[in-house]
Amino acid sequence: MILENYLWTGQGFFSENEITQIHACADRLDYHIQMVGQSNSIDPDGKVDTDGTVNEELRQGQVKWFVNEESTMPQPIIDKLYNALELSMAESNWNFKIDYNENIQYTVYEAQPEKRTGDFYTWHTDSGPLVYDNGMMRKMSMTIQLSDPDEYEGGHFQWLEPYEQFNRLTKNDTVIDMDSSIRTIPFSAKQKGSVVAFPSFVYHQVTPVTKGTRKSLVVWFCGKPYV
């Protein structure tokens, strides 16, 4: 699908006080190793599903999950997440019907001097062809920056816009230069409290953190399939 806009940013959307509240809520939670292929569901005891796999060739870092009453985000924060969602969809012409948000993820990427690379998450999408048991699927993804840009190095959020590469192809020129399709968020969108929103089918990544710690809040919004 070719989009008019692949990404929306809201600089400084959340205040310093609101970010402090988010950190305070996260401080009550336990860390989990980042996994791939995890269903993001909850078992009857309120524990996060651990059916995913650890693969440090694809993803490396730690997360915390907001999954029960003890770890509930303050309602004004939730309301503001939805304000950002509505604004991003209106300004980007993403006319998606959203029904609910999944468990909110508090993500921590750190430099790892003892490892081959710092924490990262290589190219992926947040949604695939399969729907959940309730008939819903991820349709919008959102990241809120919780660290000052001078608190870490690396950890760049990037996404792909490959359509221009495909549009220029001819019978005699079939070489695809994917590096030319990579986009990186501007420095303004790395400011603490800034929001990045995009359709969940867009390919994106977080490059390795080479110094310090990068913290963010990740939210997925679900709705019925497109067709």
N, C-alpha and C. Protein backbone atom coordinates (compact mmCIF):
# COMPACT_ATOMS: atom_id res chain seq x y z
N MET A 1 0.84 -1.19 0.00
CA MET A 1 0.00 0.00 0.00
C MET A 1 0.88 1.25 0.00
N ILE A 2 0.64 2.14 -0.95
CA ILE A 2 1.37 3.41 -1.00
C ILE A 2 0.56 4.46 -0.24
N LEU A 3 1.22 5.11 0.71
CA LEU A 3 0.54 6.07 1.57
C LEU A 3 0.96 7.50 1.25
N GLU A 4 0.06 8.43 1.53
CA GLU A 4 0.41 9.85 1.43
C GLU A 4 1.41 10.22 2.53
N ASN A 5 1.23 9.64 3.70
CA ASN A 5 2.13 9.86 4.84
C ASN A 5 2.39 8.51 5.51
N TYR A 6 3.66 8.23 5.80
CA TYR A 6 4.03 6.99 6.45
C TYR A 6 4.27 7.16 7.94
N LEU A 7 4.47 8.39 8.38
CA LEU A 7 4.82 8.62 9.78
C LEU A 7 4.34 10.00 10.20
N TRP A 8 3.91 10.10 11.46
CA TRP A 8 3.50 11.38 12.03
C TRP A 8 4.28 11.60 13.31
N THR A 9 4.73 12.83 13.53
CA THR A 9 5.45 13.15 14.76
C THR A 9 4.80 14.35 15.45
N GLY A 10 4.79 14.29 16.77
CA GLY A 10 4.30 15.40 17.59
C GLY A 10 5.36 15.77 18.60
N GLN A 11 6.08 16.85 18.34
CA GLN A 11 7.20 17.23 19.19
C GLN A 11 6.70 17.68 20.57
N GLY A 12 7.31 17.13 21.63
CA GLY A 12 6.99 17.54 22.99
C GLY A 12 5.53 17.41 23.35
N PHE A 13 4.86 16.38 22.84
CA PHE A 13 3.42 16.23 23.05
C PHE A 13 3.08 15.98 24.52
N PHE A 14 3.95 15.22 25.20
CA PHE A 14 3.75 14.96 26.63
C PHE A 14 4.68 15.85 27.45
N SER A 15 4.16 16.35 28.56
CA SER A 15 4.92 17.27 29.41
C SER A 15 5.91 16.52 30.29
N GLU A 16 6.82 17.27 30.91
CA GLU A 16 7.79 16.68 31.83
C GLU A 16 7.08 16.00 33.00
N ASN A 17 6.03 16.62 33.50
CA ASN A 17 5.28 16.03 34.61
C ASN A 17 4.62 14.72 34.20
N GLU A 18 4.07 14.67 33.02
CA GLU A 18 3.42 13.45 32.53
C GLU A 18 4.44 12.32 32.33
N ILE A 19 5.63 12.67 31.85
CA ILE A 19 6.68 11.67 31.67
C ILE A 19 7.13 11.14 33.03
N THR A 20 7.22 12.03 34.02
CA THR A 20 7.56 11.59 35.37
C THR A 20 6.54 10.60 35.89
N GLN A 21 5.25 10.84 35.63
CA GLN A 21 4.21 9.90 36.04
C GLN A 21 4.38 8.54 35.37
N ILE A 22 4.72 8.55 34.10
CA ILE A 22 4.92 7.29 33.36
C ILE A 22 6.07 6.50 33.96
N HIS A 23 7.18 7.18 34.23
CA HIS A 23 8.33 6.50 34.84
C HIS A 23 7.96 5.94 36.21
N ALA A 24 7.21 6.71 37.00
CA ALA A 24 6.82 6.26 38.34
C ALA A 24 5.96 5.00 38.27
N CYS A 25 5.06 4.94 37.31
CA CYS A 25 4.24 3.74 37.13
C CYS A 25 5.10 2.56 36.71
N ALA A 26 6.05 2.80 35.82
CA ALA A 26 6.91 1.72 35.33
C ALA A 26 7.83 1.20 36.42
N ASP A 27 8.21 2.06 37.37
CA ASP A 27 9.11 1.64 38.45
C ASP A 27 8.51 0.52 39.30
N ARG A 28 7.19 0.36 39.27
CA ARG A 28 6.54 -0.68 40.06
C ARG A 28 6.51 -2.03 39.34
N LEU A 29 6.98 -2.06 38.11
CA LEU A 29 6.87 -3.27 37.29
C LEU A 29 8.20 -4.01 37.18
N ASP A 30 8.12 -5.30 36.85
CA ASP A 30 9.31 -6.11 36.64
C ASP A 30 9.75 -6.04 35.18
N TYR A 31 11.04 -6.23 34.97
CA TYR A 31 11.58 -6.27 33.62
C TYR A 31 11.36 -7.64 32.99
N HIS A 32 11.20 -7.65 31.66
CA HIS A 32 11.15 -8.87 30.87
C HIS A 32 12.12 -8.70 29.71
N ILE A 33 12.74 -9.81 29.28
CA ILE A 33 13.60 -9.76 28.10
C ILE A 33 12.73 -9.59 26.87
N GLN A 34 13.18 -8.76 25.94
CA GLN A 34 12.42 -8.58 24.71
C GLN A 34 12.41 -9.87 23.90
N MET A 35 11.25 -10.18 23.33
CA MET A 35 11.09 -11.39 22.53
C MET A 35 10.54 -11.04 21.15
N VAL A 36 10.65 -11.99 20.24
CA VAL A 36 10.02 -11.88 18.92
C VAL A 36 8.96 -12.96 18.83
N GLY A 37 7.89 -12.67 18.09
CA GLY A 37 6.82 -13.64 17.95
C GLY A 37 5.93 -13.77 19.16
N GLN A 38 5.96 -12.78 20.06
CA GLN A 38 5.16 -12.82 21.28
C GLN A 38 3.76 -12.33 20.98
N SER A 39 2.74 -12.98 21.51
CA SER A 39 1.35 -12.65 21.18
C SER A 39 0.82 -11.44 21.95
N ASN A 40 1.54 -11.00 23.00
CA ASN A 40 1.12 -9.84 23.79
C ASN A 40 -0.23 -10.07 24.45
N SER A 41 -0.52 -11.30 24.85
CA SER A 41 -1.76 -11.59 25.54
C SER A 41 -1.49 -11.80 27.03
N ILE A 42 -2.56 -11.96 27.82
CA ILE A 42 -2.44 -12.13 29.26
C ILE A 42 -3.11 -13.44 29.66
N ASP A 43 -2.46 -14.19 30.55
CA ASP A 43 -3.10 -15.41 31.02
C ASP A 43 -4.06 -15.07 32.15
N PRO A 44 -4.85 -16.04 32.65
CA PRO A 44 -5.86 -15.73 33.67
C PRO A 44 -5.30 -15.12 34.95
N ASP A 45 -4.02 -15.31 35.23
CA ASP A 45 -3.42 -14.74 36.44
C ASP A 45 -2.85 -13.35 36.21
N GLY A 46 -3.05 -12.82 35.01
CA GLY A 46 -2.56 -11.48 34.72
C GLY A 46 -1.11 -11.42 34.32
N LYS A 47 -0.50 -12.57 34.00
CA LYS A 47 0.90 -12.58 33.59
C LYS A 47 1.02 -12.44 32.07
N VAL A 48 2.12 -11.83 31.64
CA VAL A 48 2.33 -11.64 30.20
C VAL A 48 2.66 -12.97 29.55
N ASP A 49 2.07 -13.21 28.37
CA ASP A 49 2.36 -14.41 27.61
C ASP A 49 3.84 -14.46 27.25
N THR A 50 4.47 -15.62 27.44
CA THR A 50 5.91 -15.76 27.17
C THR A 50 6.16 -16.78 26.06
N ASP A 51 5.22 -16.92 25.13
CA ASP A 51 5.37 -17.88 24.05
C ASP A 51 6.35 -17.41 22.99
N GLY A 52 6.80 -16.16 23.06
CA GLY A 52 7.76 -15.66 22.09
C GLY A 52 9.12 -16.29 22.33
N THR A 53 10.07 -15.95 21.48
CA THR A 53 11.42 -16.48 21.59
C THR A 53 12.43 -15.35 21.71
N VAL A 54 13.52 -15.62 22.43
CA VAL A 54 14.62 -14.67 22.53
C VAL A 54 15.55 -14.89 21.35
N ASN A 55 15.76 -13.86 20.56
CA ASN A 55 16.65 -13.94 19.40
C ASN A 55 17.43 -12.64 19.30
N GLU A 56 18.63 -12.63 19.86
CA GLU A 56 19.42 -11.40 19.91
C GLU A 56 20.03 -11.03 18.56
N GLU A 57 19.78 -11.84 17.53
CA GLU A 57 20.13 -11.43 16.18
C GLU A 57 19.08 -10.47 15.62
N LEU A 58 17.88 -10.50 16.22
CA LEU A 58 16.79 -9.68 15.73
C LEU A 58 16.41 -8.56 16.71
N ARG A 59 16.51 -8.85 18.01
CA ARG A 59 16.02 -7.90 19.00
C ARG A 59 16.75 -8.11 20.32
N GLN A 60 17.10 -7.00 20.97
CA GLN A 60 17.84 -7.08 22.22
C GLN A 60 17.45 -5.90 23.10
N GLY A 61 17.08 -6.17 24.34
CA GLY A 61 16.69 -5.10 25.25
C GLY A 61 15.77 -5.64 26.33
N GLN A 62 15.17 -4.74 27.10
CA GLN A 62 14.27 -5.12 28.17
C GLN A 62 12.97 -4.32 28.06
N VAL A 63 11.88 -4.94 28.55
CA VAL A 63 10.59 -4.27 28.51
C VAL A 63 9.86 -4.49 29.84
N LYS A 64 8.90 -3.63 30.09
CA LYS A 64 7.95 -3.80 31.18
C LYS A 64 6.55 -3.68 30.58
N TRP A 65 5.58 -4.40 31.17
CA TRP A 65 4.23 -4.42 30.63
C TRP A 65 3.22 -3.86 31.63
N PHE A 66 2.34 -3.01 31.14
CA PHE A 66 1.21 -2.52 31.93
C PHE A 66 0.03 -3.43 31.65
N VAL A 67 -0.20 -4.40 32.58
CA VAL A 67 -1.18 -5.44 32.28
C VAL A 67 -2.25 -5.65 33.36
N ASN A 68 -2.16 -5.00 34.49
CA ASN A 68 -3.16 -5.24 35.53
C ASN A 68 -3.43 -3.95 36.31
N GLU A 69 -4.33 -4.03 37.27
CA GLU A 69 -4.76 -2.83 37.99
C GLU A 69 -3.61 -2.15 38.73
N GLU A 70 -2.67 -2.95 39.26
CA GLU A 70 -1.57 -2.36 40.02
C GLU A 70 -0.65 -1.53 39.13
N SER A 71 -0.64 -1.82 37.83
CA SER A 71 0.28 -1.12 36.94
C SER A 71 -0.45 -0.23 35.94
N THR A 72 -1.72 0.07 36.24
CA THR A 72 -2.51 0.85 35.30
C THR A 72 -1.94 2.26 35.14
N MET A 73 -1.88 2.71 33.91
CA MET A 73 -1.45 4.07 33.62
C MET A 73 -2.56 5.04 34.05
N PRO A 74 -2.22 6.21 34.57
CA PRO A 74 -3.25 7.19 34.93
C PRO A 74 -4.15 7.49 33.73
N GLN A 75 -5.44 7.62 33.98
CA GLN A 75 -6.39 7.81 32.88
C GLN A 75 -6.08 9.06 32.04
N PRO A 76 -5.63 10.18 32.64
CA PRO A 76 -5.28 11.32 31.79
C PRO A 76 -4.17 11.01 30.78
N ILE A 77 -3.24 10.11 31.14
CA ILE A 77 -2.20 9.71 30.20
C ILE A 77 -2.82 8.90 29.06
N ILE A 78 -3.71 7.96 29.40
CA ILE A 78 -4.40 7.18 28.39
C ILE A 78 -5.19 8.09 27.45
N ASP A 79 -5.91 9.05 28.02
CA ASP A 79 -6.70 9.97 27.22
C ASP A 79 -5.81 10.74 26.24
N LYS A 80 -4.63 11.13 26.71
CA LYS A 80 -3.74 11.90 25.85
C LYS A 80 -3.16 11.03 24.73
N LEU A 81 -2.93 9.73 25.02
CA LEU A 81 -2.50 8.81 23.97
C LEU A 81 -3.53 8.77 22.85
N TYR A 82 -4.79 8.72 23.23
CA TYR A 82 -5.85 8.69 22.22
C TYR A 82 -5.98 10.04 21.51
N ASN A 83 -5.70 11.13 22.21
CA ASN A 83 -5.68 12.44 21.54
C ASN A 83 -4.60 12.47 20.46
N ALA A 84 -3.43 11.92 20.79
CA ALA A 84 -2.35 11.86 19.81
C ALA A 84 -2.73 10.96 18.64
N LEU A 85 -3.39 9.84 18.95
CA LEU A 85 -3.83 8.93 17.89
C LEU A 85 -4.79 9.63 16.94
N GLU A 86 -5.80 10.29 17.47
CA GLU A 86 -6.79 10.96 16.64
C GLU A 86 -6.16 12.06 15.81
N LEU A 87 -5.25 12.82 16.42
CA LEU A 87 -4.59 13.91 15.70
C LEU A 87 -3.71 13.36 14.58
N SER A 88 -2.96 12.30 14.86
CA SER A 88 -2.07 11.73 13.85
C SER A 88 -2.87 11.19 12.67
N MET A 89 -3.98 10.52 12.94
CA MET A 89 -4.78 9.96 11.84
C MET A 89 -5.46 11.06 11.03
N ALA A 90 -5.91 12.10 11.71
CA ALA A 90 -6.58 13.20 11.00
C ALA A 90 -5.61 13.95 10.10
N GLU A 91 -4.40 14.23 10.61
CA GLU A 91 -3.44 15.02 9.84
C GLU A 91 -2.75 14.20 8.76
N SER A 92 -2.78 12.86 8.88
CA SER A 92 -2.08 12.00 7.92
C SER A 92 -3.03 11.27 6.98
N ASN A 93 -4.33 11.53 7.11
CA ASN A 93 -5.34 10.86 6.29
C ASN A 93 -5.32 9.34 6.46
N TRP A 94 -5.09 8.89 7.69
CA TRP A 94 -5.23 7.47 8.01
C TRP A 94 -6.62 7.30 8.62
N ASN A 95 -7.55 6.89 7.83
CA ASN A 95 -8.93 6.81 8.29
C ASN A 95 -9.24 5.41 8.81
N PHE A 96 -8.47 4.98 9.82
CA PHE A 96 -8.64 3.65 10.38
C PHE A 96 -9.65 3.67 11.53
N LYS A 97 -10.43 2.62 11.62
CA LYS A 97 -11.36 2.46 12.75
C LYS A 97 -10.62 1.70 13.85
N ILE A 98 -10.49 2.34 15.01
CA ILE A 98 -9.78 1.76 16.15
C ILE A 98 -10.78 1.39 17.24
N ASP A 99 -10.61 0.19 17.82
CA ASP A 99 -11.52 -0.28 18.87
C ASP A 99 -10.89 -0.26 20.26
N TYR A 100 -9.60 -0.52 20.38
CA TYR A 100 -8.97 -0.56 21.69
C TYR A 100 -7.45 -0.54 21.52
N ASN A 101 -6.74 -0.35 22.65
CA ASN A 101 -5.28 -0.45 22.64
C ASN A 101 -4.86 -1.72 23.36
N GLU A 102 -3.75 -2.30 22.93
CA GLU A 102 -3.19 -3.48 23.59
C GLU A 102 -2.45 -3.06 24.86
N ASN A 103 -1.90 -4.07 25.55
CA ASN A 103 -1.07 -3.79 26.72
C ASN A 103 0.03 -2.81 26.34
N ILE A 104 0.25 -1.82 27.17
CA ILE A 104 1.26 -0.80 26.89
C ILE A 104 2.63 -1.31 27.31
N GLN A 105 3.61 -1.05 26.49
CA GLN A 105 4.97 -1.56 26.73
C GLN A 105 5.93 -0.41 27.05
N TYR A 106 6.67 -0.57 28.12
CA TYR A 106 7.73 0.36 28.53
C TYR A 106 9.04 -0.29 28.09
N THR A 107 9.74 0.35 27.18
CA THR A 107 10.88 -0.28 26.51
C THR A 107 12.18 0.42 26.89
N VAL A 108 13.20 -0.38 27.17
CA VAL A 108 14.51 0.15 27.56
C VAL A 108 15.58 -0.45 26.65
N TYR A 109 16.29 0.42 25.94
CA TYR A 109 17.44 0.02 25.13
C TYR A 109 18.69 0.65 25.75
N GLU A 110 19.71 -0.17 26.00
CA GLU A 110 20.94 0.32 26.61
C GLU A 110 22.16 -0.04 25.77
N ALA A 111 23.21 0.76 25.92
CA ALA A 111 24.50 0.35 25.37
C ALA A 111 24.97 -0.89 26.12
N GLN A 112 25.60 -1.81 25.42
CA GLN A 112 26.01 -3.08 26.03
C GLN A 112 27.48 -3.33 25.70
N PRO A 113 28.41 -2.73 26.45
CA PRO A 113 29.83 -2.86 26.13
C PRO A 113 30.32 -4.31 26.12
N GLU A 114 29.66 -5.17 26.92
CA GLU A 114 30.11 -6.56 27.00
C GLU A 114 29.53 -7.42 25.89
N LYS A 115 28.64 -6.85 25.08
CA LYS A 115 28.02 -7.61 23.98
C LYS A 115 28.51 -7.08 22.64
N ARG A 116 28.15 -7.82 21.61
CA ARG A 116 28.59 -7.45 20.26
C ARG A 116 28.02 -6.12 19.81
N THR A 117 26.83 -5.80 20.31
CA THR A 117 26.17 -4.55 19.94
C THR A 117 25.29 -4.08 21.08
N GLY A 118 24.95 -2.81 21.08
CA GLY A 118 23.98 -2.31 22.05
C GLY A 118 22.58 -2.79 21.70
N ASP A 119 21.62 -2.53 22.59
CA ASP A 119 20.25 -2.98 22.38
C ASP A 119 19.68 -2.36 21.12
N PHE A 120 18.80 -3.11 20.44
CA PHE A 120 18.26 -2.70 19.16
C PHE A 120 17.03 -3.54 18.84
N TYR A 121 16.35 -3.20 17.74
CA TYR A 121 15.30 -4.05 17.18
C TYR A 121 15.37 -3.85 15.67
N THR A 122 15.76 -4.90 14.95
CA THR A 122 15.99 -4.77 13.52
C THR A 122 14.66 -4.65 12.76
N TRP A 123 14.71 -4.61 11.44
CA TRP A 123 13.55 -4.33 10.61
C TRP A 123 12.40 -5.30 10.87
N HIS A 124 11.20 -4.74 11.05
CA HIS A 124 10.02 -5.55 11.31
C HIS A 124 8.76 -4.70 11.12
N THR A 125 7.62 -5.35 11.07
CA THR A 125 6.34 -4.66 11.15
C THR A 125 5.67 -5.09 12.46
N ASP A 126 4.71 -4.31 12.91
CA ASP A 126 4.00 -4.64 14.14
C ASP A 126 2.74 -5.47 13.88
N SER A 127 2.39 -5.67 12.61
CA SER A 127 1.21 -6.47 12.30
C SER A 127 1.52 -7.39 11.12
N GLY A 128 0.78 -8.48 11.04
CA GLY A 128 0.96 -9.44 9.96
C GLY A 128 -0.37 -9.81 9.36
N PRO A 129 -0.42 -10.88 8.58
CA PRO A 129 -1.66 -11.25 7.88
C PRO A 129 -2.71 -11.89 8.78
N LEU A 130 -2.31 -12.40 9.95
CA LEU A 130 -3.24 -13.10 10.81
C LEU A 130 -3.92 -12.14 11.79
N VAL A 131 -5.15 -12.44 12.14
CA VAL A 131 -5.88 -11.62 13.11
C VAL A 131 -5.91 -12.35 14.45
N TYR A 132 -6.21 -11.62 15.53
CA TYR A 132 -6.32 -12.22 16.84
C TYR A 132 -7.60 -13.06 16.94
N ASP A 133 -7.70 -13.81 18.02
CA ASP A 133 -8.88 -14.67 18.22
C ASP A 133 -10.18 -13.86 18.27
N ASN A 134 -10.08 -12.60 18.66
CA ASN A 134 -11.28 -11.76 18.73
C ASN A 134 -11.61 -11.10 17.39
N GLY A 135 -10.87 -11.47 16.33
CA GLY A 135 -11.13 -10.92 15.01
C GLY A 135 -10.50 -9.58 14.74
N MET A 136 -9.68 -9.08 15.68
CA MET A 136 -9.04 -7.78 15.53
C MET A 136 -7.58 -7.94 15.11
N MET A 137 -6.99 -6.81 14.71
CA MET A 137 -5.59 -6.79 14.33
C MET A 137 -4.99 -5.44 14.69
N ARG A 138 -3.66 -5.40 14.80
CA ARG A 138 -3.00 -4.11 15.03
C ARG A 138 -3.12 -3.25 13.79
N LYS A 139 -3.50 -1.98 13.99
CA LYS A 139 -3.65 -1.07 12.86
C LYS A 139 -2.80 0.19 13.00
N MET A 140 -2.57 0.64 14.24
CA MET A 140 -1.73 1.81 14.46
C MET A 140 -0.73 1.54 15.57
N SER A 141 0.49 2.05 15.40
CA SER A 141 1.55 1.92 16.39
C SER A 141 1.99 3.31 16.82
N MET A 142 2.43 3.41 18.08
CA MET A 142 2.85 4.72 18.61
C MET A 142 4.00 4.54 19.58
N THR A 143 4.96 5.44 19.50
CA THR A 143 6.09 5.47 20.42
C THR A 143 6.19 6.85 21.05
N ILE A 144 6.36 6.89 22.35
CA ILE A 144 6.55 8.15 23.08
C ILE A 144 7.97 8.17 23.63
N GLN A 145 8.71 9.19 23.30
CA GLN A 145 10.10 9.31 23.75
C GLN A 145 10.12 9.72 25.23
N LEU A 146 10.79 8.91 26.05
CA LEU A 146 10.86 9.18 27.49
C LEU A 146 12.24 9.60 27.95
N SER A 147 13.21 9.66 27.05
CA SER A 147 14.58 10.06 27.39
C SER A 147 14.95 11.32 26.63
N ASP A 148 15.80 12.15 27.24
CA ASP A 148 16.37 13.27 26.50
C ASP A 148 17.33 12.74 25.46
N PRO A 149 17.42 13.37 24.29
CA PRO A 149 18.32 12.88 23.25
C PRO A 149 19.78 12.90 23.66
N ASP A 150 20.16 13.72 24.66
CA ASP A 150 21.56 13.75 25.09
C ASP A 150 21.86 12.68 26.13
N GLU A 151 20.86 11.84 26.48
CA GLU A 151 21.07 10.75 27.43
C GLU A 151 21.55 9.47 26.75
N TYR A 152 21.56 9.46 25.43
CA TYR A 152 22.01 8.27 24.72
C TYR A 152 22.50 8.64 23.33
N GLU A 153 23.22 7.71 22.72
CA GLU A 153 23.65 7.84 21.33
C GLU A 153 23.20 6.61 20.57
N GLY A 154 22.99 6.76 19.27
CA GLY A 154 22.40 5.68 18.49
C GLY A 154 20.91 5.59 18.80
N GLY A 155 20.35 4.38 18.70
CA GLY A 155 18.93 4.22 19.02
C GLY A 155 18.02 5.04 18.12
N HIS A 156 18.38 5.15 16.83
CA HIS A 156 17.58 5.94 15.90
C HIS A 156 16.35 5.16 15.44
N PHE A 157 15.21 5.81 15.41
CA PHE A 157 14.01 5.20 14.84
C PHE A 157 14.01 5.45 13.34
N GLN A 158 13.91 4.37 12.57
CA GLN A 158 13.92 4.47 11.12
C GLN A 158 12.75 3.69 10.53
N TRP A 159 12.32 4.08 9.34
CA TRP A 159 11.26 3.36 8.65
C TRP A 159 11.56 3.34 7.15
N LEU A 160 10.83 2.50 6.42
CA LEU A 160 11.05 2.34 4.99
C LEU A 160 9.94 2.98 4.18
N GLU A 161 10.34 3.69 3.13
CA GLU A 161 9.42 4.18 2.10
C GLU A 161 9.97 3.74 0.75
N PRO A 162 9.71 2.49 0.35
CA PRO A 162 10.38 1.93 -0.83
C PRO A 162 9.74 2.23 -2.17
N TYR A 163 8.58 2.90 -2.17
CA TYR A 163 7.84 3.02 -3.42
C TYR A 163 8.60 3.78 -4.50
N GLU A 164 9.40 4.80 -4.11
CA GLU A 164 10.15 5.55 -5.13
C GLU A 164 11.18 4.67 -5.82
N GLN A 165 11.78 3.75 -5.07
CA GLN A 165 12.75 2.82 -5.66
C GLN A 165 12.08 1.91 -6.68
N PHE A 166 10.89 1.44 -6.37
CA PHE A 166 10.19 0.56 -7.30
C PHE A 166 9.66 1.35 -8.50
N ASN A 167 9.23 2.59 -8.27
CA ASN A 167 8.68 3.38 -9.36
C ASN A 167 9.71 3.72 -10.43
N ARG A 168 10.99 3.77 -10.07
CA ARG A 168 12.01 4.16 -11.05
C ARG A 168 12.53 2.98 -11.85
N LEU A 169 12.14 1.75 -11.47
CA LEU A 169 12.66 0.58 -12.15
C LEU A 169 12.18 0.51 -13.60
N THR A 170 13.07 0.08 -14.48
CA THR A 170 12.75 -0.13 -15.88
C THR A 170 13.22 -1.51 -16.29
N LYS A 171 12.96 -1.87 -17.53
CA LYS A 171 13.37 -3.19 -18.02
C LYS A 171 14.88 -3.37 -17.93
N ASN A 172 15.61 -2.28 -18.12
CA ASN A 172 17.07 -2.37 -18.14
C ASN A 172 17.72 -1.94 -16.83
N ASP A 173 16.95 -1.47 -15.90
CA ASP A 173 17.48 -1.05 -14.59
C ASP A 173 16.63 -1.70 -13.51
N THR A 174 17.05 -2.85 -13.03
CA THR A 174 16.26 -3.63 -12.07
C THR A 174 16.90 -3.69 -10.68
N VAL A 175 17.94 -2.86 -10.46
CA VAL A 175 18.63 -2.87 -9.17
C VAL A 175 17.86 -2.04 -8.16
N ILE A 176 17.56 -2.64 -7.02
CA ILE A 176 16.82 -1.95 -5.96
C ILE A 176 17.80 -1.55 -4.86
N ASP A 177 17.90 -0.27 -4.60
CA ASP A 177 18.78 0.26 -3.56
C ASP A 177 17.93 0.56 -2.34
N MET A 178 17.81 -0.41 -1.43
CA MET A 178 16.93 -0.22 -0.28
C MET A 178 17.45 0.85 0.67
N ASP A 179 18.77 1.08 0.69
CA ASP A 179 19.30 2.13 1.57
C ASP A 179 18.69 3.48 1.25
N SER A 180 18.33 3.69 -0.02
CA SER A 180 17.72 4.96 -0.41
C SER A 180 16.28 5.08 0.09
N SER A 181 15.71 3.96 0.56
CA SER A 181 14.34 3.97 1.05
C SER A 181 14.24 4.20 2.55
N ILE A 182 15.40 4.22 3.24
CA ILE A 182 15.40 4.37 4.69
C ILE A 182 15.20 5.83 5.09
N ARG A 183 14.26 6.05 5.99
CA ARG A 183 14.03 7.38 6.54
C ARG A 183 14.31 7.34 8.04
N THR A 184 14.83 8.44 8.58
CA THR A 184 15.15 8.54 10.01
C THR A 184 14.39 9.72 10.60
N ILE A 185 13.80 9.54 11.78
CA ILE A 185 13.05 10.64 12.36
C ILE A 185 13.96 11.84 12.59
N PRO A 186 13.43 13.04 12.43
CA PRO A 186 14.25 14.24 12.67
C PRO A 186 14.62 14.37 14.13
N PHE A 187 15.64 15.15 14.41
CA PHE A 187 16.10 15.33 15.79
C PHE A 187 14.98 15.88 16.66
N SER A 188 14.11 16.71 16.11
CA SER A 188 13.03 17.30 16.90
C SER A 188 12.10 16.23 17.47
N ALA A 189 11.95 15.12 16.73
CA ALA A 189 11.07 14.04 17.18
C ALA A 189 11.74 13.16 18.23
N LYS A 190 13.03 13.39 18.51
CA LYS A 190 13.72 12.66 19.57
C LYS A 190 13.65 13.40 20.91
N GLN A 191 13.06 14.59 20.91
CA GLN A 191 12.93 15.34 22.16
C GLN A 191 12.02 14.58 23.13
N LYS A 192 12.34 14.67 24.41
CA LYS A 192 11.54 13.99 25.43
C LYS A 192 10.08 14.42 25.33
N GLY A 193 9.18 13.44 25.39
CA GLY A 193 7.75 13.73 25.30
C GLY A 193 7.19 13.71 23.90
N SER A 194 8.05 13.57 22.90
CA SER A 194 7.58 13.56 21.51
C SER A 194 6.93 12.23 21.17
N VAL A 195 5.99 12.28 20.24
CA VAL A 195 5.23 11.11 19.81
C VAL A 195 5.54 10.79 18.36
N VAL A 196 5.70 9.52 18.07
CA VAL A 196 5.84 9.02 16.70
C VAL A 196 4.71 8.03 16.48
N ALA A 197 3.90 8.23 15.45
CA ALA A 197 2.79 7.33 15.15
C ALA A 197 2.85 6.91 13.68
N PHE A 198 2.43 5.67 13.41
CA PHE A 198 2.49 5.15 12.04
C PHE A 198 1.60 3.91 11.92
N PRO A 199 1.13 3.61 10.71
CA PRO A 199 0.37 2.37 10.51
C PRO A 199 1.23 1.16 10.87
N SER A 200 0.64 0.17 11.50
CA SER A 200 1.41 -0.95 12.04
C SER A 200 2.03 -1.84 10.97
N PHE A 201 1.60 -1.69 9.71
CA PHE A 201 2.20 -2.51 8.65
C PHE A 201 3.46 -1.88 8.06
N VAL A 202 3.85 -0.70 8.51
CA VAL A 202 5.05 -0.04 8.00
C VAL A 202 6.29 -0.69 8.59
N TYR A 203 7.27 -1.02 7.75
CA TYR A 203 8.52 -1.58 8.23
C TYR A 203 9.32 -0.50 8.95
N HIS A 204 9.87 -0.86 10.14
CA HIS A 204 10.63 0.10 10.92
C HIS A 204 11.65 -0.64 11.78
N GLN A 205 12.58 0.11 12.36
CA GLN A 205 13.59 -0.47 13.24
C GLN A 205 14.09 0.58 14.22
N VAL A 206 14.78 0.10 15.28
CA VAL A 206 15.53 0.96 16.20
C VAL A 206 16.98 0.49 16.11
N THR A 207 17.87 1.39 15.70
CA THR A 207 19.27 1.02 15.54
C THR A 207 19.93 0.84 16.90
N PRO A 208 21.06 0.13 16.96
CA PRO A 208 21.71 -0.14 18.25
C PRO A 208 22.04 1.14 19.03
N VAL A 209 21.78 1.09 20.33
CA VAL A 209 22.19 2.17 21.23
C VAL A 209 23.68 1.99 21.52
N THR A 210 24.48 2.99 21.25
CA THR A 210 25.93 2.89 21.41
C THR A 210 26.44 3.54 22.69
N LYS A 211 25.59 4.35 23.34
CA LYS A 211 25.98 5.00 24.59
C LYS A 211 24.73 5.39 25.36
N GLY A 212 24.73 5.16 26.68
CA GLY A 212 23.61 5.57 27.51
C GLY A 212 22.41 4.66 27.42
N THR A 213 21.23 5.24 27.73
CA THR A 213 19.99 4.47 27.81
C THR A 213 18.87 5.23 27.11
N ARG A 214 18.13 4.52 26.28
CA ARG A 214 16.97 5.08 25.58
C ARG A 214 15.71 4.40 26.12
N LYS A 215 14.77 5.21 26.64
CA LYS A 215 13.51 4.67 27.16
C LYS A 215 12.35 5.24 26.35
N SER A 216 11.35 4.40 26.14
CA SER A 216 10.18 4.83 25.39
C SER A 216 8.96 4.05 25.84
N LEU A 217 7.80 4.57 25.50
CA LEU A 217 6.54 3.90 25.72
C LEU A 217 6.00 3.50 24.35
N VAL A 218 5.58 2.25 24.21
CA VAL A 218 5.08 1.74 22.94
C VAL A 218 3.64 1.29 23.11
N VAL A 219 2.78 1.74 22.20
CA VAL A 219 1.36 1.42 22.27
C VAL A 219 0.89 0.95 20.89
N TRP A 220 0.07 -0.12 20.89
CA TRP A 220 -0.53 -0.60 19.65
C TRP A 220 -2.04 -0.47 19.76
N PHE A 221 -2.66 0.02 18.68
CA PHE A 221 -4.11 0.21 18.64
C PHE A 221 -4.70 -0.77 17.63
N CYS A 222 -5.77 -1.43 18.04
CA CYS A 222 -6.34 -2.52 17.25
C CYS A 222 -7.74 -2.18 16.72
N GLY A 223 -8.07 -2.82 15.62
CA GLY A 223 -9.40 -2.68 15.05
C GLY A 223 -9.69 -3.85 14.13
N LYS A 224 -10.84 -3.82 13.48
CA LYS A 224 -11.20 -4.88 12.56
C LYS A 224 -10.33 -4.84 11.32
N PRO A 225 -10.12 -5.97 10.64
CA PRO A 225 -9.30 -5.99 9.41
C PRO A 225 -9.80 -4.97 8.39
N TYR A 226 -8.92 -4.60 7.48
CA TYR A 226 -9.22 -3.55 6.51
C TYR A 226 -10.36 -3.98 5.57
N VAL A 227 -10.45 -5.27 5.26
CA VAL A 227 -11.52 -5.75 4.38
C VAL A 227 -12.19 -6.95 5.03
